């Protein structure tokens, strides 16, 4: 913070609740990416890339504490029941 305007960082030190949220839409994007992988697997078949990407995506869902029931519910709302 050497050569910068003081007002930009002063509020961070005084009022921590004023900071922006860092997670954003991380959870919904992880669900969307898993559903997109399922769509892609249906169209292209089971490739090595898709298998690896699904493993990574499932690990991310587990890390965030998102259950497969929730993912299935989101897919059903989008009329994508046939992916599961």
PDB file of N, CA and C in Angstrom:
ATOM      1  N   UNK A   1       0.822  -1.192   0.000  1.00  0.00           N
ATOM      2  CA  UNK A   1       0.000   0.000   0.000  1.00  0.00           C
ATOM      3  C   UNK A   1       0.860   1.247   0.000  1.00  0.00           C
ATOM      4  N   UNK A   2       2.043   1.180  -0.494  1.00  0.00           N
ATOM      5  CA  UNK A   2       2.978   2.274  -0.405  1.00  0.00           C
ATOM      6  C   UNK A   2       2.519   3.562  -1.057  1.00  0.00           C
ATOM      7  N   UNK A   3       2.455   3.603  -2.365  1.00  0.00           N
ATOM      8  CA  UNK A   3       2.181   4.843  -3.072  1.00  0.00           C
ATOM      9  C   UNK A   3       0.775   4.791  -3.643  1.00  0.00           C
ATOM     10  N   UNK A   4      -0.236   4.937  -2.778  1.00  0.00           N
ATOM     11  CA  UNK A   4      -1.610   4.892  -3.252  1.00  0.00           C
ATOM     12  C   UNK A   4      -2.466   5.805  -2.382  1.00  0.00           C
ATOM     13  N   UNK A   5      -3.687   6.023  -2.841  1.00  0.00           N
ATOM     14  CA  UNK A   5      -4.586   6.877  -2.082  1.00  0.00           C
ATOM     15  C   UNK A   5      -5.035   6.151  -0.824  1.00  0.00           C
ATOM     16  N   UNK A   6      -5.055   6.876   0.256  1.00  0.00           N
ATOM     17  CA  UNK A   6      -5.320   6.261   1.547  1.00  0.00           C
ATOM     18  C   UNK A   6      -6.779   5.832   1.698  1.00  0.00           C
ATOM     19  N   UNK A   7      -7.685   6.545   1.079  1.00  0.00           N
ATOM     20  CA  UNK A   7      -9.112   6.265   1.243  1.00  0.00           C
ATOM     21  C   UNK A   7      -9.542   4.916   0.692  1.00  0.00           C
ATOM     22  N   UNK A   8      -8.802   4.417  -0.284  1.00  0.00           N
ATOM     23  CA  UNK A   8      -9.170   3.148  -0.883  1.00  0.00           C
ATOM     24  C   UNK A   8      -9.031   1.990   0.100  1.00  0.00           C
ATOM     25  N   UNK A   9      -8.028   2.058   0.948  1.00  0.00           N
ATOM     26  CA  UNK A   9      -7.741   0.957   1.845  1.00  0.00           C
ATOM     27  C   UNK A   9      -8.122   1.237   3.288  1.00  0.00           C
ATOM     28  N   UNK A  10      -8.391   2.482   3.621  1.00  0.00           N
ATOM     29  CA  UNK A  10      -8.685   2.847   4.998  1.00  0.00           C
ATOM     30  C   UNK A  10      -9.970   2.184   5.478  1.00  0.00           C
ATOM     31  N   UNK A  11     -10.982   2.089   4.595  1.00  0.00           N
ATOM     32  CA  UNK A  11     -12.249   1.500   5.013  1.00  0.00           C
ATOM     33  C   UNK A  11     -12.089   0.006   5.300  1.00  0.00           C
ATOM     34  N   UNK A  12     -11.141  -0.641   4.654  1.00  0.00           N
ATOM     35  CA  UNK A  12     -10.926  -2.066   4.889  1.00  0.00           C
ATOM     36  C   UNK A  12     -10.403  -2.289   6.304  1.00  0.00           C
ATOM     37  N   UNK A  13      -9.572  -1.382   6.767  1.00  0.00           N
ATOM     38  CA  UNK A  13      -8.988  -1.536   8.087  1.00  0.00           C
ATOM     39  C   UNK A  13      -9.981  -1.182   9.194  1.00  0.00           C
ATOM     40  N   UNK A  14     -10.914  -0.251   8.913  1.00  0.00           N
ATOM     41  CA  UNK A  14     -11.813   0.211   9.953  1.00  0.00           C
ATOM     42  C   UNK A  14     -13.109  -0.599  10.010  1.00  0.00           C
ATOM     43  N   UNK A  15     -13.699  -0.872   8.852  1.00  0.00           N
ATOM     44  CA  UNK A  15     -14.991  -1.534   8.820  1.00  0.00           C
ATOM     45  C   UNK A  15     -14.882  -2.777   7.939  1.00  0.00           C
ATOM     46  N   UNK A  16     -14.723  -3.933   8.552  1.00  0.00           N
ATOM     47  CA  UNK A  16     -14.523  -5.152   7.789  1.00  0.00           C
ATOM     48  C   UNK A  16     -15.782  -5.593   7.056  1.00  0.00           C
ATOM     49  N   UNK A  17     -16.949  -5.168   7.493  1.00  0.00           N
ATOM     50  CA  UNK A  17     -18.186  -5.569   6.846  1.00  0.00           C
ATOM     51  C   UNK A  17     -18.389  -4.874   5.502  1.00  0.00           C
ATOM     52  N   UNK A  18     -17.601  -3.871   5.223  1.00  0.00           N
ATOM     53  CA  UNK A  18     -17.761  -3.120   3.986  1.00  0.00           C
ATOM     54  C   UNK A  18     -17.031  -3.775   2.828  1.00  0.00           C
ATOM     55  N   UNK A  19     -16.223  -4.789   3.095  1.00  0.00           N
ATOM     56  CA  UNK A  19     -15.510  -5.471   2.022  1.00  0.00           C
ATOM     57  C   UNK A  19     -16.481  -6.238   1.151  1.00  0.00           C
ATOM     58  N   UNK A  20     -16.139  -6.405  -0.090  1.00  0.00           N
ATOM     59  CA  UNK A  20     -16.990  -7.175  -0.993  1.00  0.00           C
ATOM     60  C   UNK A  20     -16.832  -8.659  -0.690  1.00  0.00           C
ATOM     61  N   UNK A  21     -17.823  -9.435  -1.063  1.00  0.00           N
ATOM     62  CA  UNK A  21     -17.726 -10.874  -0.866  1.00  0.00           C
ATOM     63  C   UNK A  21     -16.804 -11.453  -1.922  1.00  0.00           C
ATOM     64  N   UNK A  22     -15.957 -12.358  -1.534  1.00  0.00           N
ATOM     65  CA  UNK A  22     -14.959 -12.887  -2.446  1.00  0.00           C
ATOM     66  C   UNK A  22     -15.463 -14.127  -3.192  1.00  0.00           C
ATOM     67  N   UNK A  23     -16.453 -14.821  -2.627  1.00  0.00           N
ATOM     68  CA  UNK A  23     -16.883 -16.070  -3.246  1.00  0.00           C
ATOM     69  C   UNK A  23     -17.772 -15.829  -4.453  1.00  0.00           C
ATOM     70  N   UNK A  24     -18.584 -14.801  -4.433  1.00  0.00           N
ATOM     71  CA  UNK A  24     -19.415 -14.474  -5.580  1.00  0.00           C
ATOM     72  C   UNK A  24     -20.381 -15.591  -5.925  1.00  0.00           C
ATOM     73  N   UNK A  25     -20.357 -16.024  -7.173  1.00  0.00           N
ATOM     74  CA  UNK A  25     -21.270 -17.076  -7.627  1.00  0.00           C
ATOM     75  C   UNK A  25     -20.514 -18.375  -7.851  1.00  0.00           C
ATOM     76  N   UNK A  26     -19.562 -18.646  -6.986  1.00  0.00           N
ATOM     77  CA  UNK A  26     -18.698 -19.811  -7.120  1.00  0.00           C
ATOM     78  C   UNK A  26     -19.502 -21.114  -7.046  1.00  0.00           C
ATOM     79  N   UNK A  27     -20.489 -21.165  -6.166  1.00  0.00           N
ATOM     80  CA  UNK A  27     -21.253 -22.395  -5.966  1.00  0.00           C
ATOM     81  C   UNK A  27     -22.152 -22.687  -7.154  1.00  0.00           C
ATOM     82  N   UNK A  28     -22.847 -21.677  -7.631  1.00  0.00           N
ATOM     83  CA  UNK A  28     -23.738 -21.906  -8.770  1.00  0.00           C
ATOM     84  C   UNK A  28     -22.944 -22.215 -10.035  1.00  0.00           C
ATOM     85  N   UNK A  29     -21.763 -21.603 -10.170  1.00  0.00           N
ATOM     86  CA  UNK A  29     -20.938 -21.893 -11.345  1.00  0.00           C
ATOM     87  C   UNK A  29     -20.404 -23.318 -11.324  1.00  0.00           C
ATOM     88  N   UNK A  30     -20.116 -23.845 -10.139  1.00  0.00           N
ATOM     89  CA  UNK A  30     -19.626 -25.221 -10.079  1.00  0.00           C
ATOM     90  C   UNK A  30     -20.735 -26.205 -10.449  1.00  0.00           C
ATOM     91  N   UNK A  31     -21.973 -25.915 -10.051  1.00  0.00           N
ATOM     92  CA  UNK A  31     -23.104 -26.762 -10.436  1.00  0.00           C
ATOM     93  C   UNK A  31     -23.328 -26.669 -11.943  1.00  0.00           C
ATOM     94  N   UNK A  32     -23.264 -25.447 -12.481  1.00  0.00           N
ATOM     95  CA  UNK A  32     -23.447 -25.257 -13.922  1.00  0.00           C
ATOM     96  C   UNK A  32     -22.384 -25.991 -14.729  1.00  0.00           C
ATOM     97  N   UNK A  33     -21.150 -25.954 -14.261  1.00  0.00           N
ATOM     98  CA  UNK A  33     -20.085 -26.613 -15.015  1.00  0.00           C
ATOM     99  C   UNK A  33     -20.264 -28.118 -15.013  1.00  0.00           C
ATOM    100  N   UNK A  34     -20.738 -28.685 -13.903  1.00  0.00           N
ATOM    101  CA  UNK A  34     -20.971 -30.134 -13.854  1.00  0.00           C
ATOM    102  C   UNK A  34     -22.106 -30.521 -14.798  1.00  0.00           C
ATOM    103  N   UNK A  35     -23.170 -29.731 -14.828  1.00  0.00           N
ATOM    104  CA  UNK A  35     -24.289 -30.021 -15.734  1.00  0.00           C
ATOM    105  C   UNK A  35     -23.850 -29.885 -17.187  1.00  0.00           C
ATOM    106  N   UNK A  36     -23.028 -28.892 -17.483  1.00  0.00           N
ATOM    107  CA  UNK A  36     -22.515 -28.737 -18.849  1.00  0.00           C
ATOM    108  C   UNK A  36     -21.650 -29.918 -19.254  1.00  0.00           C
ATOM    109  N   UNK A  37     -20.878 -30.453 -18.304  1.00  0.00           N
ATOM    110  CA  UNK A  37     -20.077 -31.643 -18.605  1.00  0.00           C
ATOM    111  C   UNK A  37     -20.968 -32.847 -18.913  1.00  0.00           C
ATOM    112  N   UNK A  38     -22.070 -32.967 -18.179  1.00  0.00           N
ATOM    113  CA  UNK A  38     -22.987 -34.068 -18.451  1.00  0.00           C
ATOM    114  C   UNK A  38     -23.621 -33.939 -19.832  1.00  0.00           C
ATOM    115  N   UNK A  39     -23.973 -32.704 -20.208  1.00  0.00           N
ATOM    116  CA  UNK A  39     -24.519 -32.467 -21.549  1.00  0.00           C
ATOM    117  C   UNK A  39     -23.498 -32.833 -22.617  1.00  0.00           C
ATOM    118  N   UNK A  40     -22.284 -32.416 -22.376  1.00  0.00           N
ATOM    119  CA  UNK A  40     -21.217 -32.670 -23.348  1.00  0.00           C
ATOM    120  C   UNK A  40     -20.925 -34.161 -23.466  1.00  0.00           C
ATOM    121  N   UNK A  41     -20.989 -34.862 -22.337  1.00  0.00           N
ATOM    122  CA  UNK A  41     -20.770 -36.305 -22.361  1.00  0.00           C
ATOM    123  C   UNK A  41     -21.868 -37.004 -23.158  1.00  0.00           C
ATOM    124  N   UNK A  42     -23.087 -36.495 -23.045  1.00  0.00           N
ATOM    125  CA  UNK A  42     -24.195 -37.080 -23.791  1.00  0.00           C
ATOM    126  C   UNK A  42     -24.003 -36.886 -25.296  1.00  0.00           C
ATOM    127  N   UNK A  43     -23.507 -35.720 -25.690  1.00  0.00           N
ATOM    128  CA  UNK A  43     -23.332 -35.421 -27.116  1.00  0.00           C
ATOM    129  C   UNK A  43     -22.095 -36.087 -27.700  1.00  0.00           C
ATOM    130  N   UNK A  44     -20.961 -36.003 -27.009  1.00  0.00           N
ATOM    131  CA  UNK A  44     -19.686 -36.455 -27.566  1.00  0.00           C
ATOM    132  C   UNK A  44     -19.317 -37.878 -27.173  1.00  0.00           C
ATOM    133  N   UNK A  45     -19.915 -38.380 -26.124  1.00  0.00           N
ATOM    134  CA  UNK A  45     -19.504 -39.677 -25.608  1.00  0.00           C
ATOM    135  C   UNK A  45     -18.498 -39.491 -24.488  1.00  0.00           C
ATOM    136  N   UNK A  46     -18.019 -40.603 -23.953  1.00  0.00           N
ATOM    137  CA  UNK A  46     -17.119 -40.544 -22.801  1.00  0.00           C
ATOM    138  C   UNK A  46     -15.668 -40.471 -23.280  1.00  0.00           C
ATOM    139  N   UNK A  47     -15.127 -39.275 -23.323  1.00  0.00           N
ATOM    140  CA  UNK A  47     -13.729 -39.093 -23.707  1.00  0.00           C
ATOM    141  C   UNK A  47     -12.874 -39.006 -22.448  1.00  0.00           C
ATOM    142  N   UNK A  48     -11.575 -39.101 -22.638  1.00  0.00           N
ATOM    143  CA  UNK A  48     -10.658 -39.034 -21.504  1.00  0.00           C
ATOM    144  C   UNK A  48     -10.721 -37.661 -20.830  1.00  0.00           C
ATOM    145  N   UNK A  49     -10.835 -36.627 -21.651  1.00  0.00           N
ATOM    146  CA  UNK A  49     -10.894 -35.268 -21.124  1.00  0.00           C
ATOM    147  C   UNK A  49     -12.126 -35.090 -20.253  1.00  0.00           C
ATOM    148  N   UNK A  50     -13.271 -35.597 -20.707  1.00  0.00           N
ATOM    149  CA  UNK A  50     -14.516 -35.441 -19.955  1.00  0.00           C
ATOM    150  C   UNK A  50     -14.452 -36.224 -18.645  1.00  0.00           C
ATOM    151  N   UNK A  51     -13.854 -37.399 -18.675  1.00  0.00           N
ATOM    152  CA  UNK A  51     -13.728 -38.194 -17.446  1.00  0.00           C
ATOM    153  C   UNK A  51     -12.887 -37.440 -16.413  1.00  0.00           C
ATOM    154  N   UNK A  52     -11.760 -36.882 -16.834  1.00  0.00           N
ATOM    155  CA  UNK A  52     -10.906 -36.116 -15.913  1.00  0.00           C
ATOM    156  C   UNK A  52     -11.608 -34.860 -15.418  1.00  0.00           C
ATOM    157  N   UNK A  53     -12.305 -34.174 -16.320  1.00  0.00           N
ATOM    158  CA  UNK A  53     -13.001 -32.950 -15.926  1.00  0.00           C
ATOM    159  C   UNK A  53     -14.136 -33.255 -14.955  1.00  0.00           C
ATOM    160  N   UNK A  54     -14.817 -34.384 -15.143  1.00  0.00           N
ATOM    161  CA  UNK A  54     -15.886 -34.765 -14.214  1.00  0.00           C
ATOM    162  C   UNK A  54     -15.318 -35.073 -12.836  1.00  0.00           C
ATOM    163  N   UNK A  55     -14.155 -35.729 -12.790  1.00  0.00           N
ATOM    164  CA  UNK A  55     -13.525 -36.003 -11.489  1.00  0.00           C
ATOM    165  C   UNK A  55     -13.223 -34.700 -10.756  1.00  0.00           C
ATOM    166  N   UNK A  56     -12.643 -33.752 -11.500  1.00  0.00           N
ATOM    167  CA  UNK A  56     -12.311 -32.458 -10.883  1.00  0.00           C
ATOM    168  C   UNK A  56     -13.563 -31.723 -10.427  1.00  0.00           C
ATOM    169  N   UNK A  57     -14.599 -31.786 -11.249  1.00  0.00           N
ATOM    170  CA  UNK A  57     -15.835 -31.089 -10.921  1.00  0.00           C
ATOM    171  C   UNK A  57     -16.515 -31.719  -9.706  1.00  0.00           C
ATOM    172  N   UNK A  58     -16.504 -33.040  -9.619  1.00  0.00           N
ATOM    173  CA  UNK A  58     -17.095 -33.717  -8.465  1.00  0.00           C
ATOM    174  C   UNK A  58     -16.313 -33.391  -7.196  1.00  0.00           C
ATOM    175  N   UNK A  59     -14.986 -33.340  -7.307  1.00  0.00           N
ATOM    176  CA  UNK A  59     -14.171 -32.956  -6.146  1.00  0.00           C
ATOM    177  C   UNK A  59     -14.498 -31.548  -5.679  1.00  0.00           C
ATOM    178  N   UNK A  60     -14.717 -30.651  -6.628  1.00  0.00           N
ATOM    179  CA  UNK A  60     -15.051 -29.276  -6.274  1.00  0.00           C
ATOM    180  C   UNK A  60     -16.421 -29.205  -5.598  1.00  0.00           C
ATOM    181  N   UNK A  61     -17.387 -29.985  -6.109  1.00  0.00           N
ATOM    182  CA  UNK A  61     -18.705 -30.009  -5.479  1.00  0.00           C
ATOM    183  C   UNK A  61     -18.611 -30.538  -4.054  1.00  0.00           C
ATOM    184  N   UNK A  62     -17.821 -31.583  -3.851  1.00  0.00           N
ATOM    185  CA  UNK A  62     -17.644 -32.126  -2.507  1.00  0.00           C
ATOM    186  C   UNK A  62     -16.954 -31.125  -1.586  1.00  0.00           C
ATOM    187  N   UNK A  63     -15.999 -30.392  -2.125  1.00  0.00           N
ATOM    188  CA  UNK A  63     -15.276 -29.389  -1.339  1.00  0.00           C
ATOM    189  C   UNK A  63     -16.219 -28.287  -0.868  1.00  0.00           C
ATOM    190  N   UNK A  64     -17.149 -27.886  -1.731  1.00  0.00           N
ATOM    191  CA  UNK A  64     -18.105 -26.835  -1.376  1.00  0.00           C
ATOM    192  C   UNK A  64     -19.292 -27.365  -0.589  1.00  0.00           C
ATOM    193  N   UNK A  65     -19.398 -28.689  -0.438  1.00  0.00           N
ATOM    194  CA  UNK A  65     -20.491 -29.267   0.327  1.00  0.00           C
ATOM    195  C   UNK A  65     -21.804 -29.322  -0.430  1.00  0.00           C
ATOM    196  N   UNK A  66     -21.735 -29.427  -1.748  1.00  0.00           N
ATOM    197  CA  UNK A  66     -22.930 -29.487  -2.582  1.00  0.00           C
ATOM    198  C   UNK A  66     -23.224 -30.952  -2.877  1.00  0.00           C
ATOM    199  N   UNK A  67     -24.447 -31.385  -2.560  1.00  0.00           N
ATOM    200  CA  UNK A  67     -24.793 -32.793  -2.737  1.00  0.00           C
ATOM    201  C   UNK A  67     -25.268 -33.046  -4.164  1.00  0.00           C
ATOM    202  N   UNK A  68     -25.224 -34.310  -4.558  1.00  0.00           N
ATOM    203  CA  UNK A  68     -25.692 -34.690  -5.895  1.00  0.00           C
ATOM    204  C   UNK A  68     -27.210 -34.548  -6.001  1.00  0.00           C
ATOM    205  N   UNK A  69     -27.904 -34.652  -4.879  1.00  0.00           N
ATOM    206  CA  UNK A  69     -29.351 -34.436  -4.903  1.00  0.00           C
ATOM    207  C   UNK A  69     -29.676 -33.003  -5.306  1.00  0.00           C
ATOM    208  N   UNK A  70     -28.885 -32.067  -4.818  1.00  0.00           N
ATOM    209  CA  UNK A  70     -29.080 -30.661  -5.188  1.00  0.00           C
ATOM    210  C   UNK A  70     -28.815 -30.461  -6.676  1.00  0.00           C
ATOM    211  N   UNK A  71     -27.765 -31.092  -7.182  1.00  0.00           N
ATOM    212  CA  UNK A  71     -27.433 -30.968  -8.609  1.00  0.00           C
ATOM    213  C   UNK A  71     -28.545 -31.563  -9.457  1.00  0.00           C
ATOM    214  N   UNK A  72     -29.077 -32.705  -9.019  1.00  0.00           N
ATOM    215  CA  UNK A  72     -30.193 -33.327  -9.743  1.00  0.00           C
ATOM    216  C   UNK A  72     -31.418 -32.425  -9.724  1.00  0.00           C
ATOM    217  N   UNK A  73     -31.660 -31.770  -8.600  1.00  0.00           N
ATOM    218  CA  UNK A  73     -32.790 -30.842  -8.502  1.00  0.00           C
ATOM    219  C   UNK A  73     -32.651 -29.674  -9.456  1.00  0.00           C
ATOM    220  N   UNK A  74     -31.445 -29.145  -9.566  1.00  0.00           N
ATOM    221  CA  UNK A  74     -31.198 -28.040 -10.495  1.00  0.00           C
ATOM    222  C   UNK A  74     -31.401 -28.508 -11.935  1.00  0.00           C
ATOM    223  N   UNK A  75     -30.936 -29.717 -12.234  1.00  0.00           N
ATOM    224  CA  UNK A  75     -31.103 -30.251 -13.588  1.00  0.00           C
ATOM    225  C   UNK A  75     -32.578 -30.489 -13.908  1.00  0.00           C
ATOM    226  N   UNK A  76     -33.339 -30.929 -12.926  1.00  0.00           N
ATOM    227  CA  UNK A  76     -34.766 -31.143 -13.151  1.00  0.00           C
ATOM    228  C   UNK A  76     -35.489 -29.826 -13.401  1.00  0.00           C
ATOM    229  N   UNK A  77     -35.075 -28.765 -12.709  1.00  0.00           N
ATOM    230  CA  UNK A  77     -35.683 -27.457 -12.952  1.00  0.00           C
ATOM    231  C   UNK A  77     -35.409 -26.962 -14.363  1.00  0.00           C
ATOM    232  N   UNK A  78     -34.293 -27.391 -14.936  1.00  0.00           N
ATOM    233  CA  UNK A  78     -33.930 -26.994 -16.300  1.00  0.00           C
ATOM    234  C   UNK A  78     -34.395 -28.011 -17.340  1.00  0.00           C
ATOM    235  N   UNK A  79     -35.230 -28.955 -16.921  1.00  0.00           N
ATOM    236  CA  UNK A  79     -35.760 -30.007 -17.800  1.00  0.00           C
ATOM    237  C   UNK A  79     -34.653 -30.855 -18.403  1.00  0.00           C
ATOM    238  N   UNK A  80     -33.678 -31.240 -17.592  1.00  0.00           N
ATOM    239  CA  UNK A  80     -32.567 -32.079 -18.029  1.00  0.00           C
ATOM    240  C   UNK A  80     -32.524 -33.368 -17.210  1.00  0.00           C
ATOM    241  N   UNK A  81     -33.670 -33.989 -17.011  1.00  0.00           N
ATOM    242  CA  UNK A  81     -33.743 -35.205 -16.183  1.00  0.00           C
ATOM    243  C   UNK A  81     -33.002 -36.370 -16.822  1.00  0.00           C
ATOM    244  N   UNK A  82     -32.918 -36.373 -18.148  1.00  0.00           N
ATOM    245  CA  UNK A  82     -32.320 -37.513 -18.846  1.00  0.00           C
ATOM    246  C   UNK A  82     -30.809 -37.570 -18.728  1.00  0.00           C
ATOM    247  N   UNK A  83     -30.183 -36.561 -18.134  1.00  0.00           N
ATOM    248  CA  UNK A  83     -28.716 -36.581 -17.980  1.00  0.00           C
ATOM    249  C   UNK A  83     -28.287 -37.531 -16.868  1.00  0.00           C
ATOM    250  N   UNK A  84     -29.160 -37.820 -15.911  1.00  0.00           N
ATOM    251  CA  UNK A  84     -28.788 -38.656 -14.776  1.00  0.00           C
ATOM    252  C   UNK A  84     -29.299 -40.064 -14.921  1.00  0.00           C
TER     253      UNK A  84
END
